[in-house]
Protein backbone atom coordinates (compact mmCIF):
# COMPACT_ATOMS: atom_id res chain seq x y z
CA MET A 1 100.83 -13.09 -47.59
CA LEU A 2 102.78 -11.91 -50.63
CA ASP A 3 100.40 -13.80 -52.95
CA PHE A 4 97.48 -12.01 -51.33
CA LEU A 5 99.10 -8.58 -51.68
CA THR A 6 100.07 -9.16 -55.33
CA PHE A 7 96.57 -10.50 -56.21
CA LYS A 8 97.80 -13.99 -57.04
CA THR A 9 95.36 -15.34 -54.47
CA PHE A 10 91.76 -14.18 -54.57
CA ILE A 11 89.52 -13.89 -51.53
CA ALA A 12 86.37 -13.39 -53.60
CA PRO A 13 85.62 -17.11 -54.19
CA SER A 14 85.39 -17.64 -50.45
CA LEU A 15 83.27 -14.55 -49.96
CA LEU A 16 80.91 -15.49 -52.81
CA VAL A 17 79.29 -18.25 -50.78
CA ILE A 18 78.73 -15.94 -47.82
CA VAL A 19 77.30 -13.12 -49.93
CA TYR A 20 75.09 -15.56 -51.87
CA THR A 21 73.66 -17.00 -48.64
CA ILE A 22 72.97 -13.54 -47.20
CA GLY A 23 71.26 -12.49 -50.43
CA ALA A 24 69.24 -15.71 -50.67
CA ILE A 25 67.91 -15.00 -47.18
CA LEU A 26 67.33 -11.28 -47.75
CA ILE A 27 65.50 -11.62 -51.09
CA PRO A 28 62.41 -13.30 -49.56
CA LEU A 29 62.39 -10.87 -46.64
CA LEU A 30 62.72 -7.80 -48.84
CA SER A 31 60.12 -9.05 -51.32
CA TYR A 32 57.69 -9.67 -48.45
CA TYR A 33 58.18 -6.14 -47.12
CA LEU A 34 57.86 -4.72 -50.64
CA GLY A 35 54.56 -6.56 -51.02
CA ARG A 36 53.32 -5.24 -47.68
CA TRP A 37 54.38 -1.71 -48.61
CA LEU A 38 52.58 -1.91 -51.96
CA PHE A 39 49.48 -3.28 -50.27
CA THR A 40 49.36 -0.51 -47.68
CA ARG A 41 50.24 2.13 -50.28
CA TYR A 42 47.44 1.25 -52.67
CA PHE A 43 44.83 -0.29 -50.37
CA SER A 44 45.47 1.69 -47.19
CA GLY A 45 46.13 -1.59 -45.40
CA LYS A 46 42.45 -2.54 -45.51
CA LYS A 47 42.14 -6.18 -46.43
CA ALA A 48 38.37 -5.88 -46.85
CA GLN A 49 38.82 -3.11 -49.42
CA PHE A 50 41.19 -5.30 -51.43
CA HIS A 51 38.70 -8.16 -51.44
CA THR A 52 35.79 -5.96 -52.47
CA LEU A 53 37.70 -4.26 -55.29
CA THR A 54 39.09 -7.45 -56.81
CA THR A 55 37.64 -10.72 -58.00
CA PRO A 56 38.99 -14.09 -56.86
CA ARG A 57 40.56 -14.53 -60.29
CA GLN A 58 42.39 -11.19 -60.01
CA ARG A 59 43.66 -12.12 -56.55
CA ALA A 60 44.90 -15.45 -57.91
CA VAL A 61 46.68 -13.66 -60.76
CA VAL A 62 48.34 -11.27 -58.28
CA LEU A 63 49.47 -14.23 -56.17
CA LEU A 64 50.84 -16.13 -59.19
CA VAL A 65 52.66 -13.07 -60.53
CA SER A 66 54.15 -12.41 -57.10
CA LEU A 67 55.35 -16.01 -56.80
CA GLY A 68 56.73 -15.89 -60.34
CA CYS A 69 58.65 -12.69 -59.60
CA PHE A 70 60.02 -14.20 -56.42
CA LEU A 71 61.23 -17.32 -58.24
CA CYS A 72 62.80 -15.19 -60.98
CA MET A 73 64.64 -13.10 -58.38
CA GLU A 74 66.04 -16.21 -56.71
CA ILE A 75 67.04 -17.80 -60.03
CA VAL A 76 68.75 -14.65 -61.29
CA TRP A 77 70.60 -14.33 -57.96
CA ARG A 78 71.80 -17.96 -58.24
CA VAL A 79 72.84 -17.66 -61.92
CA MET A 80 74.76 -14.47 -61.21
CA PHE A 81 76.82 -16.19 -58.52
CA GLU A 82 77.33 -19.29 -60.68
CA PHE A 83 78.81 -16.97 -63.30
CA PHE A 84 81.19 -15.51 -60.73
CA VAL A 85 82.26 -18.97 -59.54
CA ALA A 86 82.83 -20.09 -63.14
CA TYR A 87 84.91 -16.99 -63.78
CA PHE A 88 87.20 -17.73 -60.84
CA ASP A 89 87.43 -21.41 -61.86
CA MET A 90 88.49 -20.34 -65.36
CA HIS A 91 91.08 -18.03 -63.86
CA ALA A 92 92.48 -20.84 -61.70
CA ALA A 93 92.65 -23.19 -64.70
CA LEU A 94 94.45 -20.56 -66.80
CA VAL A 95 96.95 -19.92 -64.01
CA LYS A 96 97.70 -23.65 -63.87
CA LEU A 97 98.24 -23.73 -67.66
CA ALA A 98 100.57 -20.74 -67.51
CA ALA A 99 102.72 -22.27 -64.76
């Protein structure tokens, strides 16, 4: 308990996995709802209007850009947490060297 109160033991490495998992689940859900909101905002929710105003090529580009953005969000989320894990691993290694 004393190590916890004097910050010699970190709780963040254990929490990182939990927060990463929650974020990895929420990112697809939030991006889906963002896409629905944008669709209803700019096309009044009318699918027929979207199809008449755009060509098949434009719809394919929108789909590919959306998928690309989704993959980038997931990759950035993963890299950010890998950085945090590496930071705590470095800290643990330095503490071992100092002891």
